[in-house]
Amino acid sequence: MGLMEGRLAIITAGTAGIGRAVAERFIAEGADVVITSPSQAEIDEAVAALGEHAIGVVGDASDLGSLAVLVDVEATQIVDTTPEQYDAVMGLNVRGSFFTAQGIVPLMRDGGTIVLTSSIAGSNGGQGHATYNASKAAVRSLARTLTAELRGRRIRANAISPGPTATAGFAKFTGGDPAVERAIVDMLPVGHVGLPSEVAAAVLFLASDESSYVAGAELVVDGGMSQV
């Protein structure tokens, strides 16, 4: 029997990258999954690949009309950040997480689990990413509050905080430059950029009964980058 046998998991942004890897791992462990994406085409492709245990729902976690402004905020100094850029990032990371939890909690069984996606960026002060860093710190804080508020139903909330991970976003960040990737790898004690499947394994731990005594915590999955 798998670690997620008989469970239903809702995975936002589950069509690619870490979310897709989480969906694949959860299904392999016996879960049925609902994945979301703003793109119907991405949903169709992912559901076809994941098989009969996956259901796709078109939805935008930020509830914004467009996320194009996110492209411009990836490396924007705080003095240059516009209200629109701020709202886009906070909407996706904080507002989306908050109201997704609000909507799902009434439907959850007692003893269920919530895993929020934070980032090691929430604990550092990398320049040019003030809004993103603050948003991820807020998500990590939300895991604490959810755990406290839902203690009567024994629902545990935890946060996963990945570091550099080999996704499309990482490829965009490095621009395909081997020197940039090499410089990042040099900062990782494990000697390689994380794989989505490695982050998914950590999410599985937090979502399953293997972590039954872990609540309100942050699990850092960054190859030791921020820990040594």
C-alpha atoms as a PDB file:
ATOM      1  CA  MET A   1       0.000   0.000   0.000  1.00  0.00           C
ATOM      2  CA  GLY A   2       1.348   3.430  -0.949  1.00  0.00           C
ATOM      3  CA  LEU A   3       1.794   6.318   1.457  1.00  0.00           C
ATOM      4  CA  MET A   4      -1.132   8.205  -0.120  1.00  0.00           C
ATOM      5  CA  GLU A   5      -3.484   5.268  -0.715  1.00  0.00           C
ATOM      6  CA  GLY A   6      -7.135   6.301  -0.800  1.00  0.00           C
ATOM      7  CA  ARG A   7      -6.423  10.022  -0.527  1.00  0.00           C
ATOM      8  CA  LEU A   8      -7.396  12.927  -2.730  1.00  0.00           C
ATOM      9  CA  ALA A   9      -4.760  15.619  -3.220  1.00  0.00           C
ATOM     10  CA  ILE A  10      -5.297  19.058  -4.739  1.00  0.00           C
ATOM     11  CA  ILE A  11      -2.099  20.329  -6.351  1.00  0.00           C
ATOM     12  CA  THR A  12      -2.091  23.896  -7.599  1.00  0.00           C
ATOM     13  CA  ALA A  13       0.209  24.542 -10.564  1.00  0.00           C
ATOM     14  CA  GLY A  14       0.379  20.796 -11.013  1.00  0.00           C
ATOM     15  CA  THR A  15       1.039  20.680 -14.744  1.00  0.00           C
ATOM     16  CA  ALA A  16       4.791  21.336 -14.767  1.00  0.00           C
ATOM     17  CA  GLY A  17       7.929  21.581 -12.680  1.00  0.00           C
ATOM     18  CA  ILE A  18       7.705  20.723  -9.001  1.00  0.00           C
ATOM     19  CA  GLY A  19       3.910  20.542  -9.042  1.00  0.00           C
ATOM     20  CA  ARG A  20       3.952  17.992 -11.849  1.00  0.00           C
ATOM     21  CA  ALA A  21       6.572  15.917 -10.022  1.00  0.00           C
ATOM     22  CA  VAL A  22       4.429  16.002  -6.876  1.00  0.00           C
ATOM     23  CA  ALA A  23       1.398  14.823  -8.841  1.00  0.00           C
ATOM     24  CA  GLU A  24       3.378  11.955 -10.367  1.00  0.00           C
ATOM     25  CA  ARG A  25       4.740  10.864  -6.993  1.00  0.00           C
ATOM     26  CA  PHE A  26       1.377  11.109  -5.221  1.00  0.00           C
ATOM     27  CA  ILE A  27      -0.300   8.994  -7.900  1.00  0.00           C
ATOM     28  CA  ALA A  28       2.491   6.435  -7.629  1.00  0.00           C
ATOM     29  CA  GLU A  29       1.765   6.302  -3.890  1.00  0.00           C
ATOM     30  CA  GLY A  30      -1.952   5.609  -4.442  1.00  0.00           C
ATOM     31  CA  ALA A  31      -3.567   9.058  -4.452  1.00  0.00           C
ATOM     32  CA  ASP A  32      -6.072  10.594  -6.794  1.00  0.00           C
ATOM     33  CA  VAL A  33      -5.037  14.132  -7.694  1.00  0.00           C
ATOM     34  CA  VAL A  34      -6.716  17.290  -8.866  1.00  0.00           C
ATOM     35  CA  ILE A  35      -4.266  19.560 -10.659  1.00  0.00           C
ATOM     36  CA  THR A  36      -4.818  23.186 -11.581  1.00  0.00           C
ATOM     37  CA  SER A  37      -3.412  25.560 -14.170  1.00  0.00           C
ATOM     38  CA  PRO A  38      -4.668  28.674 -15.949  1.00  0.00           C
ATOM     39  CA  SER A  39      -4.040  26.878 -19.264  1.00  0.00           C
ATOM     40  CA  GLN A  40      -6.504  24.344 -20.639  1.00  0.00           C
ATOM     41  CA  ALA A  41      -3.840  23.016 -23.010  1.00  0.00           C
ATOM     42  CA  GLU A  42      -1.458  22.362 -20.108  1.00  0.00           C
ATOM     43  CA  ILE A  43      -4.244  20.676 -18.159  1.00  0.00           C
ATOM     44  CA  ASP A  44      -5.119  18.419 -21.112  1.00  0.00           C
ATOM     45  CA  GLU A  45      -1.502  17.388 -21.654  1.00  0.00           C
ATOM     46  CA  ALA A  46      -0.828  16.725 -17.980  1.00  0.00           C
ATOM     47  CA  VAL A  47      -4.001  14.707 -17.392  1.00  0.00           C
ATOM     48  CA  ALA A  48      -3.305  12.587 -20.461  1.00  0.00           C
ATOM     49  CA  ALA A  49       0.191  11.849 -19.185  1.00  0.00           C
ATOM     50  CA  LEU A  50      -0.778  11.285 -15.545  1.00  0.00           C
ATOM     51  CA  GLY A  51      -3.616   8.895 -16.343  1.00  0.00           C
ATOM     52  CA  GLU A  52      -6.944   7.994 -14.826  1.00  0.00           C
ATOM     53  CA  HIS A  53      -6.060   9.082 -11.315  1.00  0.00           C
ATOM     54  CA  ALA A  54      -5.714  12.735 -12.356  1.00  0.00           C
ATOM     55  CA  ILE A  55      -8.394  15.354 -12.851  1.00  0.00           C
ATOM     56  CA  GLY A  56      -7.637  18.784 -14.245  1.00  0.00           C
ATOM     57  CA  VAL A  57      -9.285  22.063 -13.330  1.00  0.00           C
ATOM     58  CA  VAL A  58      -8.564  25.325 -15.123  1.00  0.00           C
ATOM     59  CA  GLY A  59      -7.931  27.968 -12.505  1.00  0.00           C
ATOM     60  CA  ASP A  60      -5.594  30.800 -11.562  1.00  0.00           C
ATOM     61  CA  ALA A  61      -4.542  30.678  -7.912  1.00  0.00           C
ATOM     62  CA  SER A  62      -3.998  34.413  -7.841  1.00  0.00           C
ATOM     63  CA  ASP A  63      -7.425  35.148  -9.323  1.00  0.00           C
ATOM     64  CA  LEU A  64      -5.847  37.857 -11.464  1.00  0.00           C
ATOM     65  CA  GLY A  65      -6.715  38.554 -15.054  1.00  0.00           C
ATOM     66  CA  SER A  66      -3.134  38.269 -16.206  1.00  0.00           C
ATOM     67  CA  LEU A  67       0.228  37.295 -14.740  1.00  0.00           C
ATOM     68  CA  ALA A  68       2.325  38.831 -17.500  1.00  0.00           C
ATOM     69  CA  VAL A  69       3.554  41.465 -15.041  1.00  0.00           C
ATOM     70  CA  LEU A  70       5.423  38.723 -13.145  1.00  0.00           C
ATOM     71  CA  VAL A  71       7.973  38.574 -15.917  1.00  0.00           C
ATOM     72  CA  ASP A  72       9.011  42.118 -15.097  1.00  0.00           C
ATOM     73  CA  VAL A  73       9.299  41.675 -11.340  1.00  0.00           C
ATOM     74  CA  GLU A  74      11.780  38.809 -11.285  1.00  0.00           C
ATOM     75  CA  ALA A  75      14.686  41.146 -10.618  1.00  0.00           C
ATOM     76  CA  THR A  76      13.242  44.556  -9.766  1.00  0.00           C
ATOM     77  CA  GLN A  77      14.744  46.825  -7.136  1.00  0.00           C
ATOM     78  CA  ILE A  78      12.329  47.820  -4.382  1.00  0.00           C
ATOM     79  CA  VAL A  79      12.497  51.490  -5.382  1.00  0.00           C
ATOM     80  CA  ASP A  80      11.399  50.575  -8.913  1.00  0.00           C
ATOM     81  CA  THR A  81       8.644  48.077  -8.058  1.00  0.00           C
ATOM     82  CA  THR A  82       5.222  49.231  -9.210  1.00  0.00           C
ATOM     83  CA  PRO A  83       2.006  48.561  -7.279  1.00  0.00           C
ATOM     84  CA  GLU A  84       0.901  46.319 -10.152  1.00  0.00           C
ATOM     85  CA  GLN A  85       4.044  44.213  -9.895  1.00  0.00           C
ATOM     86  CA  TYR A  86       3.706  43.994  -6.122  1.00  0.00           C
ATOM     87  CA  ASP A  87       0.045  42.973  -6.349  1.00  0.00           C
ATOM     88  CA  ALA A  88       0.793  40.318  -8.976  1.00  0.00           C
ATOM     89  CA  VAL A  89       3.429  38.560  -6.874  1.00  0.00           C
ATOM     90  CA  MET A  90       1.539  38.877  -3.593  1.00  0.00           C
ATOM     91  CA  GLY A  91      -1.641  37.783  -5.336  1.00  0.00           C
ATOM     92  CA  LEU A  92      -0.097  34.617  -6.694  1.00  0.00           C
ATOM     93  CA  ASN A  93       1.953  33.584  -3.669  1.00  0.00           C
ATOM     94  CA  VAL A  94       0.092  34.931  -0.628  1.00  0.00           C
ATOM     95  CA  ARG A  95      -3.485  35.683  -1.690  1.00  0.00           C
ATOM     96  CA  GLY A  96      -3.616  32.514  -3.747  1.00  0.00           C
ATOM     97  CA  SER A  97      -2.330  30.342  -0.903  1.00  0.00           C
ATOM     98  CA  PHE A  98      -4.591  32.002   1.666  1.00  0.00           C
ATOM     99  CA  PHE A  99      -7.847  31.745  -0.235  1.00  0.00           C
ATOM    100  CA  THR A 100      -7.100  28.316  -1.661  1.00  0.00           C
ATOM    101  CA  ALA A 101      -6.693  27.095   1.913  1.00  0.00           C
ATOM    102  CA  GLN A 102      -9.839  28.936   2.970  1.00  0.00           C
ATOM    103  CA  GLY A 103     -11.844  27.246   0.235  1.00  0.00           C
ATOM    104  CA  ILE A 104     -10.433  23.761   0.709  1.00  0.00           C
ATOM    105  CA  VAL A 105     -10.343  23.441   4.500  1.00  0.00           C
ATOM    106  CA  PRO A 106     -14.132  23.018   4.900  1.00  0.00           C
ATOM    107  CA  LEU A 107     -13.967  20.082   2.473  1.00  0.00           C
ATOM    108  CA  MET A 108     -11.034  18.346   4.155  1.00  0.00           C
ATOM    109  CA  ARG A 109     -11.355  15.376   6.440  1.00  0.00           C
ATOM    110  CA  ASP A 110     -10.146  15.703  10.008  1.00  0.00           C
ATOM    111  CA  GLY A 111      -6.496  14.724  10.247  1.00  0.00           C
ATOM    112  CA  GLY A 112      -5.749  15.925   6.718  1.00  0.00           C
ATOM    113  CA  THR A 113      -2.621  17.766   5.642  1.00  0.00           C
ATOM    114  CA  ILE A 114      -1.753  21.014   3.903  1.00  0.00           C
ATOM    115  CA  VAL A 115       1.635  21.623   2.297  1.00  0.00           C
ATOM    116  CA  LEU A 116       2.347  25.195   1.250  1.00  0.00           C
ATOM    117  CA  THR A 117       5.144  26.121  -1.145  1.00  0.00           C
ATOM    118  CA  SER A 118       7.480  28.680   0.357  1.00  0.00           C
ATOM    119  CA  SER A 119      11.131  29.133  -0.654  1.00  0.00           C
ATOM    120  CA  ILE A 120      14.532  29.705   0.864  1.00  0.00           C
ATOM    121  CA  ALA A 121      14.019  33.201  -0.548  1.00  0.00           C
ATOM    122  CA  GLY A 122      11.629  33.786   2.349  1.00  0.00           C
ATOM    123  CA  SER A 123      14.561  33.675   4.757  1.00  0.00           C
ATOM    124  CA  ASN A 124      17.111  35.712   2.852  1.00  0.00           C
ATOM    125  CA  GLY A 125      17.438  39.243   1.565  1.00  0.00           C
ATOM    126  CA  GLY A 126      18.504  38.706  -2.010  1.00  0.00           C
ATOM    127  CA  GLN A 127      18.458  42.110  -3.655  1.00  0.00           C
ATOM    128  CA  GLY A 128      16.093  42.729  -6.515  1.00  0.00           C
ATOM    129  CA  HIS A 129      13.507  40.324  -5.125  1.00  0.00           C
ATOM    130  CA  ALA A 130      11.971  42.189  -2.196  1.00  0.00           C
ATOM    131  CA  THR A 131       8.361  41.410  -3.079  1.00  0.00           C
ATOM    132  CA  TYR A 132       9.005  37.758  -3.899  1.00  0.00           C
ATOM    133  CA  ASN A 133      11.054  37.231  -0.741  1.00  0.00           C
ATOM    134  CA  ALA A 134       8.385  38.857   1.422  1.00  0.00           C
ATOM    135  CA  SER A 135       5.638  36.809  -0.206  1.00  0.00           C
ATOM    136  CA  LYS A 136       7.414  33.543   0.512  1.00  0.00           C
ATOM    137  CA  ALA A 137       8.026  34.571   4.131  1.00  0.00           C
ATOM    138  CA  ALA A 138       4.291  35.198   4.436  1.00  0.00           C
ATOM    139  CA  VAL A 139       3.503  31.739   3.064  1.00  0.00           C
ATOM    140  CA  ARG A 140       5.818  30.152   5.612  1.00  0.00           C
ATOM    141  CA  SER A 141       4.045  32.129   8.383  1.00  0.00           C
ATOM    142  CA  LEU A 142       0.667  30.988   7.088  1.00  0.00           C
ATOM    143  CA  ALA A 143       1.615  27.365   7.737  1.00  0.00           C
ATOM    144  CA  ARG A 144       2.050  28.200  11.411  1.00  0.00           C
ATOM    145  CA  THR A 145      -1.280  29.995  11.695  1.00  0.00           C
ATOM    146  CA  LEU A 146      -3.220  27.318   9.842  1.00  0.00           C
ATOM    147  CA  THR A 147      -1.799  24.665  12.147  1.00  0.00           C
ATOM    148  CA  ALA A 148      -2.823  26.679  15.210  1.00  0.00           C
ATOM    149  CA  GLU A 149      -6.326  27.439  13.944  1.00  0.00           C
ATOM    150  CA  LEU A 150      -7.038  23.892  12.743  1.00  0.00           C
ATOM    151  CA  ARG A 151      -5.670  22.043  15.744  1.00  0.00           C
ATOM    152  CA  GLY A 152      -9.202  21.071  16.802  1.00  0.00           C
ATOM    153  CA  ARG A 153      -9.525  19.076  13.584  1.00  0.00           C
ATOM    154  CA  ARG A 154      -5.955  17.757  13.743  1.00  0.00           C
ATOM    155  CA  ILE A 155      -5.197  19.213  10.316  1.00  0.00           C
ATOM    156  CA  ARG A 156      -1.471  19.791   9.955  1.00  0.00           C
ATOM    157  CA  ALA A 157      -0.033  22.548   7.772  1.00  0.00           C
ATOM    158  CA  ASN A 158       3.637  22.691   6.863  1.00  0.00           C
ATOM    159  CA  ALA A 159       5.737  24.603   4.347  1.00  0.00           C
ATOM    160  CA  ILE A 160       8.226  23.255   1.843  1.00  0.00           C
ATOM    161  CA  SER A 161      11.068  25.634   0.970  1.00  0.00           C
ATOM    162  CA  PRO A 162      12.973  24.580  -2.148  1.00  0.00           C
ATOM    163  CA  GLY A 163      16.253  26.026  -3.308  1.00  0.00           C
ATOM    164  CA  PRO A 164      17.561  25.954  -6.907  1.00  0.00           C
ATOM    165  CA  THR A 165      15.560  23.299  -8.762  1.00  0.00           C
ATOM    166  CA  ALA A 166      15.842  22.187 -12.379  1.00  0.00           C
ATOM    167  CA  THR A 167      12.599  23.619 -13.715  1.00  0.00           C
ATOM    168  CA  ALA A 168      11.726  25.886 -16.626  1.00  0.00           C
ATOM    169  CA  GLY A 169      12.016  28.825 -14.238  1.00  0.00           C
ATOM    170  CA  PHE A 170      15.571  27.877 -13.332  1.00  0.00           C
ATOM    171  CA  ALA A 171      16.507  27.551 -16.989  1.00  0.00           C
ATOM    172  CA  LYS A 172      15.113  31.016 -17.618  1.00  0.00           C
ATOM    173  CA  PHE A 173      17.066  32.388 -14.669  1.00  0.00           C
ATOM    174  CA  THR A 174      20.383  30.968 -15.913  1.00  0.00           C
ATOM    175  CA  GLY A 175      19.644  31.833 -19.530  1.00  0.00           C
ATOM    176  CA  GLY A 176      21.146  28.485 -20.499  1.00  0.00           C
ATOM    177  CA  ASP A 177      24.594  29.784 -19.538  1.00  0.00           C
ATOM    178  CA  PRO A 178      26.718  26.892 -18.190  1.00  0.00           C
ATOM    179  CA  ALA A 179      28.882  29.337 -16.244  1.00  0.00           C
ATOM    180  CA  VAL A 180      25.880  30.677 -14.339  1.00  0.00           C
ATOM    181  CA  GLU A 181      24.662  27.179 -13.535  1.00  0.00           C
ATOM    182  CA  ARG A 182      28.165  26.155 -12.476  1.00  0.00           C
ATOM    183  CA  ALA A 183      28.345  29.123 -10.094  1.00  0.00           C
ATOM    184  CA  ILE A 184      25.060  28.052  -8.516  1.00  0.00           C
ATOM    185  CA  VAL A 185      26.164  24.417  -8.227  1.00  0.00           C
ATOM    186  CA  ASP A 186      29.317  25.606  -6.461  1.00  0.00           C
ATOM    187  CA  MET A 187      27.071  27.007  -3.705  1.00  0.00           C
ATOM    188  CA  LEU A 188      25.317  23.651  -3.201  1.00  0.00           C
ATOM    189  CA  PRO A 189      27.021  21.232  -0.783  1.00  0.00           C
ATOM    190  CA  VAL A 190      25.325  18.254  -2.461  1.00  0.00           C
ATOM    191  CA  GLY A 191      26.980  19.215  -5.760  1.00  0.00           C
ATOM    192  CA  HIS A 192      23.960  19.398  -8.057  1.00  0.00           C
ATOM    193  CA  VAL A 193      20.875  21.463  -8.759  1.00  0.00           C
ATOM    194  CA  GLY A 194      17.807  19.862  -7.217  1.00  0.00           C
ATOM    195  CA  LEU A 195      15.473  17.709  -9.281  1.00  0.00           C
ATOM    196  CA  PRO A 196      11.706  18.250  -9.096  1.00  0.00           C
ATOM    197  CA  SER A 197      11.421  14.623  -7.995  1.00  0.00           C
ATOM    198  CA  GLU A 198      13.664  15.354  -5.000  1.00  0.00           C
ATOM    199  CA  VAL A 199      11.397  18.179  -3.879  1.00  0.00           C
ATOM    200  CA  ALA A 200       8.363  15.980  -4.523  1.00  0.00           C
ATOM    201  CA  ALA A 201       9.781  13.354  -2.155  1.00  0.00           C
ATOM    202  CA  ALA A 202       9.921  15.968   0.593  1.00  0.00           C
ATOM    203  CA  VAL A 203       6.348  17.088  -0.145  1.00  0.00           C
ATOM    204  CA  LEU A 204       5.256  13.458   0.051  1.00  0.00           C
ATOM    205  CA  PHE A 205       6.795  13.175   3.508  1.00  0.00           C
ATOM    206  CA  LEU A 206       4.889  16.231   4.749  1.00  0.00           C
ATOM    207  CA  ALA A 207       1.622  15.146   3.138  1.00  0.00           C
ATOM    208  CA  SER A 208       1.717  11.565   4.409  1.00  0.00           C
ATOM    209  CA  ASP A 209       1.437   9.973   7.841  1.00  0.00           C
ATOM    210  CA  GLU A 210       5.224   9.617   7.837  1.00  0.00           C
ATOM    211  CA  SER A 211       5.266  13.190   9.196  1.00  0.00           C
ATOM    212  CA  SER A 212       2.430  12.697  11.697  1.00  0.00           C
ATOM    213  CA  TYR A 213       4.353  14.561  14.431  1.00  0.00           C
ATOM    214  CA  VAL A 214       5.402  17.478  12.202  1.00  0.00           C
ATOM    215  CA  ALA A 215       3.141  20.523  12.205  1.00  0.00           C
ATOM    216  CA  GLY A 216       3.614  24.215  11.478  1.00  0.00           C
ATOM    217  CA  ALA A 217       7.155  23.507  10.310  1.00  0.00           C
ATOM    218  CA  GLU A 218       9.338  24.463   7.359  1.00  0.00           C
ATOM    219  CA  LEU A 219      11.227  21.752   5.504  1.00  0.00           C
ATOM    220  CA  VAL A 220      14.138  23.265   3.573  1.00  0.00           C
ATOM    221  CA  VAL A 221      15.049  21.320   0.426  1.00  0.00           C
ATOM    222  CA  ASP A 222      17.960  23.220  -1.059  1.00  0.00           C
ATOM    223  CA  GLY A 223      20.944  20.874  -1.082  1.00  0.00           C
ATOM    224  CA  GLY A 224      22.317  22.638   1.986  1.00  0.00           C
ATOM    225  CA  MET A 225      22.657  25.985   0.207  1.00  0.00           C
ATOM    226  CA  SER A 226      21.123  28.050   3.008  1.00  0.00           C
ATOM    227  CA  GLN A 227      22.120  25.768   5.854  1.00  0.00           C
ATOM    228  CA  VAL A 228      25.905  25.817   5.895  1.00  0.00           C
END
